[in-house]
Amino acid sequence: MDISNQKRMAAQVLDCGLNRVRMNPNRLEDISEAVTRKDIRKLVASGAIFARKRTGQSHARGLLRAAQKKKGRRRGPAHRRGGTNARFNTKLRWMMSIRPIRVRLRELRDGGTIDRTTYRKLYLQAKGGMFHNRSHLDTQLRLRGIIKTEAKPTTKRAEERRRRRREIARSVIMPSKLQKGDRKLRKGRKPKKAKKAPGQKKPAPAPDTVPATTGEAAGEAGRKEA
């Protein structure tokens, strides 16, 4: 059954290539009887003839690449194209760093923390690149005594954690005397005797409680008789 003519007309009606035209094998007789484009359109509407979906390009790999770049990956030397200033404009970098600093200076001036003269001096220093970022500005102001250090609220849990860390650090860096003594005993050395306080007298020796022998007793009796 030759249906090449019907396939050609279907490609014109569907506005696609011959390779994309598909026909229902159960309705080949109806398709072979179609002579005009009108008949082909009826077969297309009934589903006997249809066009295969166009093979597209998947965007899944591109989405995965974008997600990894968002995390900071794929930014090594092999993935870079262009110089540093071309990839991240110098003016844009300066704007991103100077604007928070100027906002902070404005807050301090409007809040009355600094006067207009100090504000203008700090503004010019920021313009000259003296402060790297907002936190660096606050650190410099604290060192100069312009703003006071605000104590951060601490919880009992944080205090307990800090105390444990301190104890662990001390035990590692400066072991106690007991540990030192145990180490010396392990090596076979005798621990040092405790020094006596000045002015302390030596304790009197205890009397001999050992019984005298028979020879010593006879010699003492002979001396008494003489």
N, C-alpha and C. Protein backbone atom coordinates (compact mmCIF):
# COMPACT_ATOMS: atom_id res chain seq x y z
N MET A 1 0.87 -1.20 0.00
CA MET A 1 0.00 0.00 0.00
C MET A 1 0.90 1.24 0.00
N ASP A 2 0.76 2.01 -1.08
CA ASP A 2 1.58 3.21 -1.23
C ASP A 2 0.82 4.42 -0.69
N ILE A 3 1.35 4.99 0.36
CA ILE A 3 0.71 6.18 0.97
C ILE A 3 1.70 7.34 1.00
N SER A 4 2.67 7.32 0.11
CA SER A 4 3.68 8.39 0.09
C SER A 4 3.05 9.74 -0.28
N ASN A 5 2.03 9.72 -1.19
CA ASN A 5 1.37 10.98 -1.57
C ASN A 5 0.62 11.58 -0.39
N GLN A 6 -0.08 10.71 0.36
CA GLN A 6 -0.81 11.19 1.55
C GLN A 6 0.18 11.71 2.62
N LYS A 7 1.31 11.06 2.74
CA LYS A 7 2.32 11.51 3.72
C LYS A 7 2.86 12.88 3.32
N ARG A 8 3.07 13.10 2.00
CA ARG A 8 3.55 14.40 1.52
C ARG A 8 2.55 15.49 1.82
N MET A 9 1.25 15.23 1.56
CA MET A 9 0.22 16.23 1.84
C MET A 9 0.08 16.47 3.35
N ALA A 10 0.23 15.41 4.15
CA ALA A 10 0.14 15.56 5.62
C ALA A 10 1.27 16.43 6.14
N ALA A 11 2.47 16.29 5.54
CA ALA A 11 3.59 17.13 5.95
C ALA A 11 3.32 18.59 5.65
N GLN A 12 2.65 18.87 4.51
CA GLN A 12 2.31 20.26 4.17
C GLN A 12 1.23 20.81 5.10
N VAL A 13 0.26 19.96 5.43
CA VAL A 13 -0.83 20.40 6.32
C VAL A 13 -0.31 20.63 7.74
N LEU A 14 0.52 19.71 8.24
CA LEU A 14 1.04 19.81 9.61
C LEU A 14 2.22 20.78 9.72
N ASP A 15 2.73 21.25 8.56
CA ASP A 15 3.87 22.18 8.53
C ASP A 15 5.08 21.58 9.25
N CYS A 16 5.48 20.39 8.81
CA CYS A 16 6.65 19.72 9.38
C CYS A 16 7.30 18.87 8.29
N GLY A 17 8.40 18.21 8.61
CA GLY A 17 9.08 17.36 7.64
C GLY A 17 8.43 16.00 7.51
N LEU A 18 8.83 15.27 6.46
CA LEU A 18 8.26 13.95 6.22
C LEU A 18 8.61 12.96 7.35
N ASN A 19 9.77 13.13 7.95
CA ASN A 19 10.20 12.19 9.00
C ASN A 19 9.37 12.33 10.28
N ARG A 20 8.75 13.46 10.45
CA ARG A 20 7.95 13.67 11.67
C ARG A 20 6.51 13.24 11.51
N VAL A 21 6.06 12.93 10.31
CA VAL A 21 4.67 12.52 10.08
C VAL A 21 4.49 11.08 10.56
N ARG A 22 3.51 10.84 11.41
CA ARG A 22 3.17 9.51 11.90
C ARG A 22 1.72 9.20 11.58
N MET A 23 1.47 7.91 11.27
CA MET A 23 0.12 7.47 10.90
C MET A 23 -0.29 6.29 11.75
N ASN A 24 -1.58 6.23 12.09
CA ASN A 24 -2.11 5.13 12.89
C ASN A 24 -2.17 3.88 12.03
N PRO A 25 -1.47 2.79 12.39
CA PRO A 25 -1.48 1.58 11.53
C PRO A 25 -2.85 0.92 11.42
N ASN A 26 -3.74 1.17 12.36
CA ASN A 26 -5.07 0.56 12.30
C ASN A 26 -6.01 1.28 11.32
N ARG A 27 -5.58 2.46 10.84
CA ARG A 27 -6.45 3.24 9.93
C ARG A 27 -5.75 3.52 8.60
N LEU A 28 -4.94 2.59 8.15
CA LEU A 28 -4.22 2.79 6.90
C LEU A 28 -5.17 2.78 5.69
N GLU A 29 -6.25 2.03 5.79
CA GLU A 29 -7.22 1.99 4.67
C GLU A 29 -7.88 3.37 4.49
N ASP A 30 -8.30 3.99 5.59
CA ASP A 30 -8.91 5.33 5.50
C ASP A 30 -7.90 6.34 4.96
N ILE A 31 -6.66 6.20 5.36
CA ILE A 31 -5.62 7.13 4.91
C ILE A 31 -5.35 6.96 3.41
N SER A 32 -5.34 5.70 2.94
CA SER A 32 -5.08 5.48 1.51
C SER A 32 -6.21 6.00 0.62
N GLU A 33 -7.43 6.11 1.15
CA GLU A 33 -8.56 6.63 0.38
C GLU A 33 -8.56 8.16 0.31
N ALA A 34 -7.79 8.83 1.17
CA ALA A 34 -7.73 10.29 1.16
C ALA A 34 -7.00 10.76 -0.09
N VAL A 35 -7.63 11.71 -0.79
CA VAL A 35 -7.06 12.20 -2.03
C VAL A 35 -6.71 13.69 -1.94
N THR A 36 -7.53 14.44 -1.25
CA THR A 36 -7.33 15.89 -1.18
C THR A 36 -6.80 16.29 0.20
N ARG A 37 -6.40 17.56 0.27
CA ARG A 37 -5.92 18.08 1.55
C ARG A 37 -7.06 18.14 2.58
N LYS A 38 -8.27 18.34 2.09
CA LYS A 38 -9.42 18.39 2.99
C LYS A 38 -9.58 17.06 3.72
N ASP A 39 -9.40 15.94 2.97
CA ASP A 39 -9.47 14.62 3.60
C ASP A 39 -8.35 14.44 4.62
N ILE A 40 -7.19 14.94 4.29
CA ILE A 40 -6.05 14.83 5.23
C ILE A 40 -6.34 15.61 6.50
N ARG A 41 -6.93 16.80 6.37
CA ARG A 41 -7.26 17.61 7.56
C ARG A 41 -8.24 16.87 8.45
N LYS A 42 -9.21 16.16 7.86
CA LYS A 42 -10.18 15.40 8.65
C LYS A 42 -9.47 14.27 9.41
N LEU A 43 -8.55 13.61 8.74
CA LEU A 43 -7.79 12.54 9.39
C LEU A 43 -6.91 13.07 10.52
N VAL A 44 -6.34 14.27 10.31
CA VAL A 44 -5.54 14.91 11.38
C VAL A 44 -6.42 15.23 12.57
N ALA A 45 -7.63 15.75 12.32
CA ALA A 45 -8.54 16.10 13.41
C ALA A 45 -8.99 14.86 14.18
N SER A 46 -9.17 13.73 13.48
CA SER A 46 -9.60 12.49 14.14
C SER A 46 -8.46 11.77 14.83
N GLY A 47 -7.20 12.14 14.54
CA GLY A 47 -6.05 11.53 15.19
C GLY A 47 -5.40 10.42 14.42
N ALA A 48 -5.86 10.17 13.20
CA ALA A 48 -5.26 9.11 12.38
C ALA A 48 -3.87 9.53 11.91
N ILE A 49 -3.67 10.81 11.67
CA ILE A 49 -2.37 11.34 11.26
C ILE A 49 -1.95 12.40 12.28
N PHE A 50 -0.72 12.35 12.69
CA PHE A 50 -0.21 13.34 13.66
C PHE A 50 1.28 13.52 13.43
N ALA A 51 1.82 14.57 14.04
CA ALA A 51 3.25 14.88 13.90
C ALA A 51 3.98 14.51 15.19
N ARG A 52 5.13 13.87 15.03
CA ARG A 52 5.95 13.52 16.18
C ARG A 52 6.51 14.79 16.83
N LYS A 53 6.65 14.77 18.15
CA LYS A 53 7.16 15.95 18.85
C LYS A 53 8.57 16.26 18.42
N ARG A 54 8.84 17.53 18.30
CA ARG A 54 10.16 17.97 17.88
C ARG A 54 11.18 17.70 18.99
N THR A 55 12.35 17.18 18.61
CA THR A 55 13.41 16.90 19.58
C THR A 55 14.03 18.21 20.05
N GLY A 56 13.83 18.50 21.31
CA GLY A 56 14.34 19.77 21.85
C GLY A 56 15.65 19.57 22.59
N GLN A 57 16.18 20.65 23.12
CA GLN A 57 17.41 20.62 23.90
C GLN A 57 17.06 20.74 25.37
N SER A 58 17.47 19.77 26.14
CA SER A 58 17.14 19.74 27.57
C SER A 58 17.86 20.87 28.30
N HIS A 59 17.13 21.48 29.23
CA HIS A 59 17.71 22.58 30.03
C HIS A 59 18.10 22.10 31.43
N ALA A 60 18.01 20.77 31.66
CA ALA A 60 18.29 20.25 33.00
C ALA A 60 19.75 20.48 33.38
N ARG A 61 20.66 20.24 32.45
CA ARG A 61 22.08 20.42 32.75
C ARG A 61 22.41 21.89 33.01
N GLY A 62 21.74 22.78 32.26
CA GLY A 62 21.95 24.21 32.49
C GLY A 62 21.46 24.64 33.86
N LEU A 63 20.31 24.09 34.29
CA LEU A 63 19.78 24.42 35.62
C LEU A 63 20.71 23.90 36.72
N LEU A 64 21.25 22.69 36.51
CA LEU A 64 22.19 22.14 37.50
C LEU A 64 23.44 23.00 37.59
N ARG A 65 23.95 23.47 36.44
CA ARG A 65 25.14 24.31 36.41
C ARG A 65 24.88 25.63 37.14
N ALA A 66 23.70 26.21 36.89
CA ALA A 66 23.36 27.48 37.54
C ALA A 66 23.24 27.31 39.05
N ALA A 67 22.66 26.17 39.49
CA ALA A 67 22.51 25.92 40.93
C ALA A 67 23.88 25.76 41.58
N GLN A 68 24.80 25.09 40.90
CA GLN A 68 26.14 24.92 41.48
C GLN A 68 26.90 26.24 41.53
N LYS A 69 26.74 27.08 40.50
CA LYS A 69 27.40 28.38 40.52
C LYS A 69 26.84 29.27 41.61
N LYS A 70 25.55 29.11 41.90
CA LYS A 70 24.95 29.89 42.98
C LYS A 70 25.56 29.51 44.33
N LYS A 71 25.97 28.25 44.47
CA LYS A 71 26.63 27.79 45.70
C LYS A 71 28.09 28.24 45.78
N GLY A 72 28.63 28.75 44.66
CA GLY A 72 30.02 29.19 44.64
C GLY A 72 30.95 28.22 43.97
N ARG A 73 30.41 27.16 43.37
CA ARG A 73 31.27 26.19 42.69
C ARG A 73 31.43 26.57 41.22
N ARG A 74 32.29 25.84 40.53
CA ARG A 74 32.57 26.07 39.11
C ARG A 74 33.08 27.50 38.86
N ARG A 75 33.90 27.99 39.76
CA ARG A 75 34.44 29.34 39.59
C ARG A 75 35.97 29.34 39.63
N GLY A 76 36.57 28.17 39.38
CA GLY A 76 38.02 28.05 39.39
C GLY A 76 38.64 28.63 38.13
N PRO A 77 39.96 28.53 38.00
CA PRO A 77 40.65 29.10 36.83
C PRO A 77 40.16 28.53 35.50
N ALA A 78 39.76 27.25 35.49
CA ALA A 78 39.33 26.63 34.22
C ALA A 78 37.98 27.14 33.76
N HIS A 79 37.20 27.73 34.64
CA HIS A 79 35.86 28.20 34.29
C HIS A 79 35.79 29.71 34.08
N ARG A 80 36.90 30.40 34.25
CA ARG A 80 36.87 31.87 34.17
C ARG A 80 37.15 32.33 32.74
N ARG A 81 36.40 33.31 32.33
CA ARG A 81 36.64 33.95 31.03
C ARG A 81 36.63 35.46 31.27
N GLY A 82 37.72 36.13 30.94
CA GLY A 82 37.81 37.57 31.19
C GLY A 82 38.58 37.87 32.45
N GLY A 83 39.05 39.12 32.56
CA GLY A 83 39.81 39.55 33.72
C GLY A 83 38.92 39.76 34.93
N THR A 84 39.57 40.06 36.06
CA THR A 84 38.83 40.24 37.31
C THR A 84 37.86 41.41 37.21
N ASN A 85 38.33 42.51 36.66
CA ASN A 85 37.47 43.69 36.55
C ASN A 85 36.39 43.51 35.50
N ALA A 86 36.63 42.65 34.52
CA ALA A 86 35.60 42.40 33.51
C ALA A 86 34.50 41.51 34.08
N ARG A 87 34.88 40.56 34.95
CA ARG A 87 33.89 39.67 35.54
C ARG A 87 33.10 40.36 36.64
N PHE A 88 33.74 41.25 37.38
CA PHE A 88 33.06 41.99 38.46
C PHE A 88 33.55 43.43 38.37
N ASN A 89 32.71 44.31 37.89
CA ASN A 89 33.10 45.68 37.58
C ASN A 89 33.67 46.39 38.81
N THR A 90 34.73 47.16 38.60
CA THR A 90 35.40 47.86 39.70
C THR A 90 34.47 48.88 40.36
N LYS A 91 33.72 49.60 39.55
CA LYS A 91 32.81 50.61 40.11
C LYS A 91 31.69 49.95 40.91
N LEU A 92 31.18 48.84 40.41
CA LEU A 92 30.12 48.13 41.13
C LEU A 92 30.63 47.62 42.48
N ARG A 93 31.87 47.11 42.49
CA ARG A 93 32.46 46.64 43.74
C ARG A 93 32.62 47.80 44.73
N TRP A 94 33.05 48.96 44.24
CA TRP A 94 33.22 50.13 45.11
C TRP A 94 31.87 50.61 45.65
N MET A 95 30.85 50.62 44.81
CA MET A 95 29.52 51.04 45.26
C MET A 95 28.99 50.11 46.35
N MET A 96 29.22 48.81 46.18
CA MET A 96 28.71 47.85 47.17
C MET A 96 29.43 47.98 48.50
N SER A 97 30.67 48.46 48.51
CA SER A 97 31.41 48.59 49.77
C SER A 97 31.21 49.95 50.43
N ILE A 98 31.09 51.03 49.64
CA ILE A 98 31.04 52.38 50.22
C ILE A 98 29.65 52.76 50.70
N ARG A 99 28.61 52.24 50.07
CA ARG A 99 27.26 52.67 50.44
C ARG A 99 26.87 52.28 51.87
N PRO A 100 27.12 51.03 52.32
CA PRO A 100 26.81 50.73 53.73
C PRO A 100 27.60 51.57 54.72
N ILE A 101 28.84 51.92 54.38
CA ILE A 101 29.66 52.76 55.27
C ILE A 101 29.05 54.15 55.40
N ARG A 102 28.61 54.72 54.27
CA ARG A 102 28.01 56.05 54.31
C ARG A 102 26.66 56.05 55.03
N VAL A 103 25.91 54.96 54.86
CA VAL A 103 24.64 54.85 55.60
C VAL A 103 24.90 54.82 57.10
N ARG A 104 25.93 54.08 57.53
CA ARG A 104 26.27 54.00 58.95
C ARG A 104 26.71 55.36 59.49
N LEU A 105 27.52 56.08 58.73
CA LEU A 105 27.94 57.41 59.17
C LEU A 105 26.75 58.36 59.29
N ARG A 106 25.80 58.24 58.37
CA ARG A 106 24.61 59.09 58.42
C ARG A 106 23.78 58.78 59.67
N GLU A 107 23.68 57.48 60.01
CA GLU A 107 22.94 57.09 61.21
C GLU A 107 23.59 57.66 62.46
N LEU A 108 24.92 57.59 62.54
CA LEU A 108 25.61 58.13 63.71
C LEU A 108 25.46 59.64 63.81
N ARG A 109 25.48 60.34 62.66
CA ARG A 109 25.33 61.79 62.67
C ARG A 109 23.92 62.20 63.07
N ASP A 110 22.91 61.52 62.49
CA ASP A 110 21.52 61.88 62.81
C ASP A 110 21.14 61.48 64.24
N GLY A 111 21.79 60.42 64.76
CA GLY A 111 21.51 60.01 66.13
C GLY A 111 22.21 60.84 67.18
N GLY A 112 23.11 61.74 66.77
CA GLY A 112 23.81 62.59 67.72
C GLY A 112 25.05 61.95 68.31
N THR A 113 25.47 60.80 67.81
CA THR A 113 26.68 60.16 68.34
C THR A 113 27.93 60.93 67.93
N ILE A 114 27.94 61.45 66.71
CA ILE A 114 29.07 62.25 66.23
C ILE A 114 28.54 63.58 65.73
N ASP A 115 29.38 64.62 65.79
CA ASP A 115 28.96 65.92 65.28
C ASP A 115 29.29 66.02 63.79
N ARG A 116 28.94 67.13 63.20
CA ARG A 116 29.09 67.29 61.76
C ARG A 116 30.57 67.34 61.34
N THR A 117 31.41 67.92 62.21
CA THR A 117 32.84 67.98 61.88
C THR A 117 33.46 66.58 61.83
N THR A 118 33.13 65.77 62.84
CA THR A 118 33.63 64.38 62.86
C THR A 118 33.06 63.59 61.70
N TYR A 119 31.79 63.85 61.40
CA TYR A 119 31.15 63.15 60.28
C TYR A 119 31.88 63.44 58.97
N ARG A 120 32.20 64.73 58.76
CA ARG A 120 32.87 65.10 57.52
C ARG A 120 34.28 64.49 57.45
N LYS A 121 34.95 64.44 58.59
CA LYS A 121 36.29 63.86 58.60
C LYS A 121 36.25 62.36 58.29
N LEU A 122 35.31 61.66 58.93
CA LEU A 122 35.17 60.22 58.67
C LEU A 122 34.68 59.95 57.25
N TYR A 123 33.85 60.84 56.74
CA TYR A 123 33.34 60.68 55.36
C TYR A 123 34.50 60.72 54.37
N LEU A 124 35.40 61.68 54.56
CA LEU A 124 36.55 61.79 53.65
C LEU A 124 37.51 60.61 53.82
N GLN A 125 37.66 60.12 55.06
CA GLN A 125 38.51 58.95 55.26
C GLN A 125 37.92 57.72 54.57
N ALA A 126 36.58 57.58 54.63
CA ALA A 126 35.93 56.47 53.94
C ALA A 126 36.08 56.60 52.43
N LYS A 127 36.02 57.83 51.96
CA LYS A 127 36.21 58.07 50.52
C LYS A 127 37.62 57.69 50.08
N GLY A 128 38.59 57.88 50.97
CA GLY A 128 39.96 57.52 50.66
C GLY A 128 40.26 56.04 50.79
N GLY A 129 39.28 55.25 51.25
CA GLY A 129 39.47 53.80 51.34
C GLY A 129 40.06 53.34 52.65
N MET A 130 39.91 54.13 53.73
CA MET A 130 40.48 53.75 55.01
C MET A 130 39.72 52.59 55.64
N PHE A 131 38.39 52.52 55.43
CA PHE A 131 37.56 51.49 56.05
C PHE A 131 37.18 50.45 54.99
N HIS A 132 37.39 49.19 55.34
CA HIS A 132 37.11 48.12 54.38
C HIS A 132 35.61 47.86 54.25
N ASN A 133 34.93 47.88 55.38
CA ASN A 133 33.49 47.61 55.38
C ASN A 133 32.88 48.23 56.63
N ARG A 134 31.60 47.95 56.84
CA ARG A 134 30.88 48.58 57.95
C ARG A 134 31.41 48.10 59.31
N SER A 135 31.69 46.81 59.44
CA SER A 135 32.20 46.29 60.71
C SER A 135 33.59 46.86 61.02
N HIS A 136 34.40 47.05 59.98
CA HIS A 136 35.72 47.66 60.19
C HIS A 136 35.57 49.10 60.66
N LEU A 137 34.59 49.82 60.13
CA LEU A 137 34.33 51.19 60.57
C LEU A 137 33.95 51.22 62.04
N ASP A 138 33.06 50.30 62.47
CA ASP A 138 32.65 50.27 63.88
C ASP A 138 33.84 49.94 64.79
N THR A 139 34.70 49.04 64.34
CA THR A 139 35.89 48.69 65.14
C THR A 139 36.80 49.89 65.32
N GLN A 140 37.01 50.64 64.25
CA GLN A 140 37.86 51.83 64.33
C GLN A 140 37.24 52.89 65.24
N LEU A 141 35.94 53.05 65.18
CA LEU A 141 35.28 54.05 66.03
C LEU A 141 35.35 53.65 67.50
N ARG A 142 35.29 52.35 67.78
CA ARG A 142 35.43 51.90 69.17
C ARG A 142 36.84 52.14 69.68
N LEU A 143 37.83 51.87 68.84
CA LEU A 143 39.22 52.10 69.26
C LEU A 143 39.50 53.58 69.50
N ARG A 144 38.87 54.44 68.72
CA ARG A 144 39.06 55.89 68.91
C ARG A 144 38.23 56.44 70.05
N GLY A 145 37.33 55.61 70.60
CA GLY A 145 36.48 56.07 71.71
C GLY A 145 35.29 56.89 71.28
N ILE A 146 34.94 56.87 70.00
CA ILE A 146 33.80 57.66 69.53
C ILE A 146 32.50 56.98 69.90
N ILE A 147 32.45 55.66 69.79
CA ILE A 147 31.26 54.91 70.21
C ILE A 147 31.70 53.90 71.26
N LYS A 148 30.80 53.54 72.15
CA LYS A 148 31.09 52.61 73.22
C LYS A 148 30.78 51.20 72.77
N THR A 149 31.49 50.26 73.37
CA THR A 149 31.26 48.85 73.05
C THR A 149 29.98 48.40 73.71
N GLU A 150 29.10 47.85 72.91
CA GLU A 150 27.82 47.37 73.43
C GLU A 150 27.99 45.92 73.87
N ALA A 151 27.65 45.66 75.13
CA ALA A 151 27.77 44.30 75.64
C ALA A 151 26.68 43.41 75.05
N LYS A 152 27.10 42.30 74.51
CA LYS A 152 26.13 41.38 73.89
C LYS A 152 25.43 40.58 74.97
N PRO A 153 24.11 40.40 74.87
CA PRO A 153 23.41 39.61 75.88
C PRO A 153 23.83 38.15 75.82
N THR A 154 24.22 37.59 76.97
CA THR A 154 24.66 36.20 77.02
C THR A 154 23.68 35.38 77.84
N THR A 155 23.50 34.16 77.49
CA THR A 155 22.61 33.26 78.20
C THR A 155 23.41 32.35 79.11
N LYS A 156 22.71 31.66 80.02
CA LYS A 156 23.38 30.74 80.94
C LYS A 156 24.04 29.60 80.18
N ARG A 157 23.38 29.19 79.11
CA ARG A 157 23.93 28.09 78.32
C ARG A 157 25.25 28.48 77.66
N ALA A 158 25.30 29.71 77.15
CA ALA A 158 26.53 30.19 76.51
C ALA A 158 27.64 30.34 77.55
N GLU A 159 27.30 30.83 78.75
CA GLU A 159 28.30 30.98 79.80
C GLU A 159 28.86 29.62 80.21
N GLU A 160 27.98 28.62 80.31
CA GLU A 160 28.43 27.28 80.69
C GLU A 160 29.35 26.69 79.61
N ARG A 161 29.01 26.93 78.34
CA ARG A 161 29.83 26.44 77.24
C ARG A 161 31.21 27.11 77.26
N ARG A 162 31.22 28.42 77.53
CA ARG A 162 32.48 29.15 77.58
C ARG A 162 33.35 28.66 78.74
N ARG A 163 32.72 28.38 79.88
CA ARG A 163 33.47 27.90 81.05
C ARG A 163 34.10 26.53 80.77
N ARG A 164 33.35 25.65 80.10
CA ARG A 164 33.89 24.33 79.76
C ARG A 164 35.08 24.45 78.81
N ARG A 165 34.95 25.33 77.84
CA ARG A 165 36.06 25.51 76.90
C ARG A 165 37.30 26.01 77.62
N ARG A 166 37.13 26.95 78.57
CA ARG A 166 38.26 27.47 79.33
C ARG A 166 38.94 26.36 80.13
N GLU A 167 38.14 25.51 80.77
CA GLU A 167 38.71 24.42 81.57
C GLU A 167 39.48 23.44 80.69
N ILE A 168 38.92 23.13 79.52
CA ILE A 168 39.61 22.21 78.61
C ILE A 168 40.93 22.81 78.14
N ALA A 169 40.91 24.12 77.81
CA ALA A 169 42.14 24.78 77.35
C ALA A 169 43.20 24.79 78.45
N ARG A 170 42.77 25.04 79.68
CA ARG A 170 43.75 25.07 80.77
C ARG A 170 44.34 23.69 81.03
N SER A 171 43.51 22.66 80.97
CA SER A 171 44.01 21.30 81.22
C SER A 171 44.98 20.86 80.15
N VAL A 172 44.80 21.35 78.92
CA VAL A 172 45.71 20.97 77.83
C VAL A 172 47.00 21.76 77.90
N ILE A 173 46.90 23.09 78.13
CA ILE A 173 48.08 23.96 78.09
C ILE A 173 48.86 23.90 79.40
N MET A 174 48.16 24.00 80.54
CA MET A 174 48.83 24.03 81.84
C MET A 174 48.28 22.91 82.71
N PRO A 175 48.82 21.68 82.65
CA PRO A 175 48.32 20.60 83.49
C PRO A 175 48.58 20.89 84.96
N SER A 176 47.77 20.33 85.82
CA SER A 176 47.89 20.61 87.25
C SER A 176 49.13 19.94 87.85
N LYS A 177 49.49 20.32 89.08
CA LYS A 177 50.67 19.78 89.75
C LYS A 177 50.50 18.29 90.04
N LEU A 178 49.26 17.89 90.29
CA LEU A 178 49.01 16.49 90.55
C LEU A 178 49.36 15.65 89.33
N GLN A 179 49.01 16.14 88.17
CA GLN A 179 49.35 15.42 86.95
C GLN A 179 50.85 15.38 86.74
N LYS A 180 51.56 16.46 87.07
CA LYS A 180 53.02 16.48 86.95
C LYS A 180 53.64 15.44 87.89
N GLY A 181 53.14 15.38 89.14
CA GLY A 181 53.66 14.42 90.10
C GLY A 181 53.43 13.00 89.65
N ASP A 182 52.25 12.73 89.11
CA ASP A 182 51.95 11.38 88.61
C ASP A 182 52.88 11.01 87.48
N ARG A 183 53.24 11.98 86.62
CA ARG A 183 54.12 11.72 85.50
C ARG A 183 55.51 11.36 86.01
N LYS A 184 56.00 12.06 87.06
CA LYS A 184 57.33 11.77 87.62
C LYS A 184 57.35 10.39 88.26
N LEU A 185 56.28 10.02 88.98
CA LEU A 185 56.24 8.71 89.59
C LEU A 185 56.24 7.61 88.53
N ARG A 186 55.57 7.89 87.40
CA ARG A 186 55.56 6.91 86.33
C ARG A 186 56.96 6.71 85.77
N LYS A 187 57.77 7.78 85.71
CA LYS A 187 59.13 7.66 85.19
C LYS A 187 60.10 7.03 86.20
N GLY A 188 59.66 6.86 87.46
CA GLY A 188 60.53 6.24 88.46
C GLY A 188 61.24 7.24 89.34
N ARG A 189 60.88 8.51 89.27
CA ARG A 189 61.50 9.54 90.10
C ARG A 189 60.68 9.75 91.36
N LYS A 190 61.38 10.16 92.41
CA LYS A 190 60.67 10.46 93.65
C LYS A 190 60.17 11.90 93.62
N PRO A 191 58.98 12.13 94.05
CA PRO A 191 58.50 13.53 94.09
C PRO A 191 59.24 14.33 95.15
N LYS A 192 59.39 15.63 94.89
CA LYS A 192 60.11 16.50 95.83
C LYS A 192 59.34 16.62 97.13
N LYS A 193 60.14 16.70 98.27
CA LYS A 193 59.52 16.87 99.58
C LYS A 193 59.08 18.32 99.75
N ALA A 194 58.03 18.48 100.50
CA ALA A 194 57.53 19.83 100.75
C ALA A 194 58.49 20.58 101.66
N LYS A 195 58.78 21.83 101.32
CA LYS A 195 59.70 22.66 102.11
C LYS A 195 59.06 23.03 103.44
N LYS A 196 59.93 23.08 104.52
CA LYS A 196 59.42 23.44 105.84
C LYS A 196 59.36 24.95 105.97
N ALA A 197 58.41 25.38 106.77
CA ALA A 197 58.26 26.81 107.00
C ALA A 197 59.40 27.29 107.88
N PRO A 198 59.88 28.54 107.70
CA PRO A 198 60.99 29.06 108.54
C PRO A 198 60.58 29.17 110.00
N GLY A 199 61.53 28.79 110.92
CA GLY A 199 61.25 28.86 112.36
C GLY A 199 60.60 27.62 112.92
N GLN A 200 60.34 26.63 112.06
CA GLN A 200 59.69 25.42 112.55
C GLN A 200 60.74 24.47 113.11
N LYS A 201 60.55 23.97 114.34
CA LYS A 201 61.51 23.08 114.99
C LYS A 201 61.31 21.65 114.51
N LYS A 202 62.44 20.91 114.57
CA LYS A 202 62.35 19.50 114.19
C LYS A 202 61.64 18.73 115.28
N PRO A 203 60.84 17.79 114.97
CA PRO A 203 60.15 17.00 116.02
C PRO A 203 61.14 16.14 116.78
N ALA A 204 60.91 15.97 118.10
CA ALA A 204 61.81 15.18 118.95
C ALA A 204 61.75 13.72 118.55
N PRO A 205 62.93 13.04 118.57
CA PRO A 205 62.92 11.63 118.17
C PRO A 205 62.17 10.78 119.17
N ALA A 206 61.50 9.79 118.72
CA ALA A 206 60.70 8.91 119.59
C ALA A 206 61.62 8.01 120.41
N PRO A 207 61.30 7.73 121.69
CA PRO A 207 62.16 6.85 122.53
C PRO A 207 62.20 5.45 121.98
N ASP A 208 63.41 4.80 122.21
CA ASP A 208 63.56 3.43 121.71
C ASP A 208 62.70 2.49 122.52
N THR A 209 61.94 1.76 121.88
CA THR A 209 61.05 0.79 122.54
C THR A 209 61.51 -0.63 122.31
N VAL A 210 62.73 -0.77 121.70
CA VAL A 210 63.23 -2.12 121.42
C VAL A 210 63.78 -2.72 122.70
N PRO A 211 63.42 -3.93 123.17
CA PRO A 211 63.94 -4.52 124.43
C PRO A 211 65.42 -4.84 124.32
N ALA A 212 66.15 -4.61 125.40
CA ALA A 212 67.60 -4.87 125.43
C ALA A 212 67.88 -6.35 125.42
N THR A 213 68.97 -6.73 124.82
CA THR A 213 69.35 -8.15 124.76
C THR A 213 69.95 -8.60 126.09
N THR A 214 70.18 -9.88 126.33
CA THR A 214 70.72 -10.44 127.60
C THR A 214 72.15 -9.99 127.84
N GLY A 215 72.98 -9.88 126.79
CA GLY A 215 74.38 -9.44 126.93
C GLY A 215 74.47 -8.01 127.38
N GLU A 216 73.64 -7.16 126.80
CA GLU A 216 73.64 -5.74 127.18
C GLU A 216 73.19 -5.58 128.62
N ALA A 217 72.22 -6.40 129.06
CA ALA A 217 71.71 -6.30 130.44
C ALA A 217 72.78 -6.72 131.46
N ALA A 218 73.56 -7.76 131.13
CA ALA A 218 74.60 -8.22 132.05
C ALA A 218 75.72 -7.18 132.17
N GLY A 219 76.07 -6.52 131.05
CA GLY A 219 77.12 -5.50 131.07
C GLY A 219 76.72 -4.32 131.92
N GLU A 220 75.46 -3.89 131.85
CA GLU A 220 74.99 -2.77 132.67
C GLU A 220 75.02 -3.14 134.16
N ALA A 221 74.67 -4.39 134.50
CA ALA A 221 74.68 -4.80 135.92
C ALA A 221 76.10 -4.81 136.47
N GLY A 222 77.09 -5.25 135.65
CA GLY A 222 78.48 -5.26 136.09
C GLY A 222 79.01 -3.87 136.34
N ARG A 223 78.61 -2.87 135.51
CA ARG A 223 79.07 -1.49 135.70
C ARG A 223 78.54 -0.90 137.00
N LYS A 224 77.27 -1.25 137.32
CA LYS A 224 76.66 -0.71 138.55
C LYS A 224 77.39 -1.27 139.79
N GLU A 225 77.74 -2.57 139.77
CA GLU A 225 78.43 -3.15 140.91
C GLU A 225 79.83 -2.55 141.14
N ALA A 226 80.51 -2.24 139.99
CA ALA A 226 81.83 -1.64 140.11
C ALA A 226 81.71 -0.23 140.62
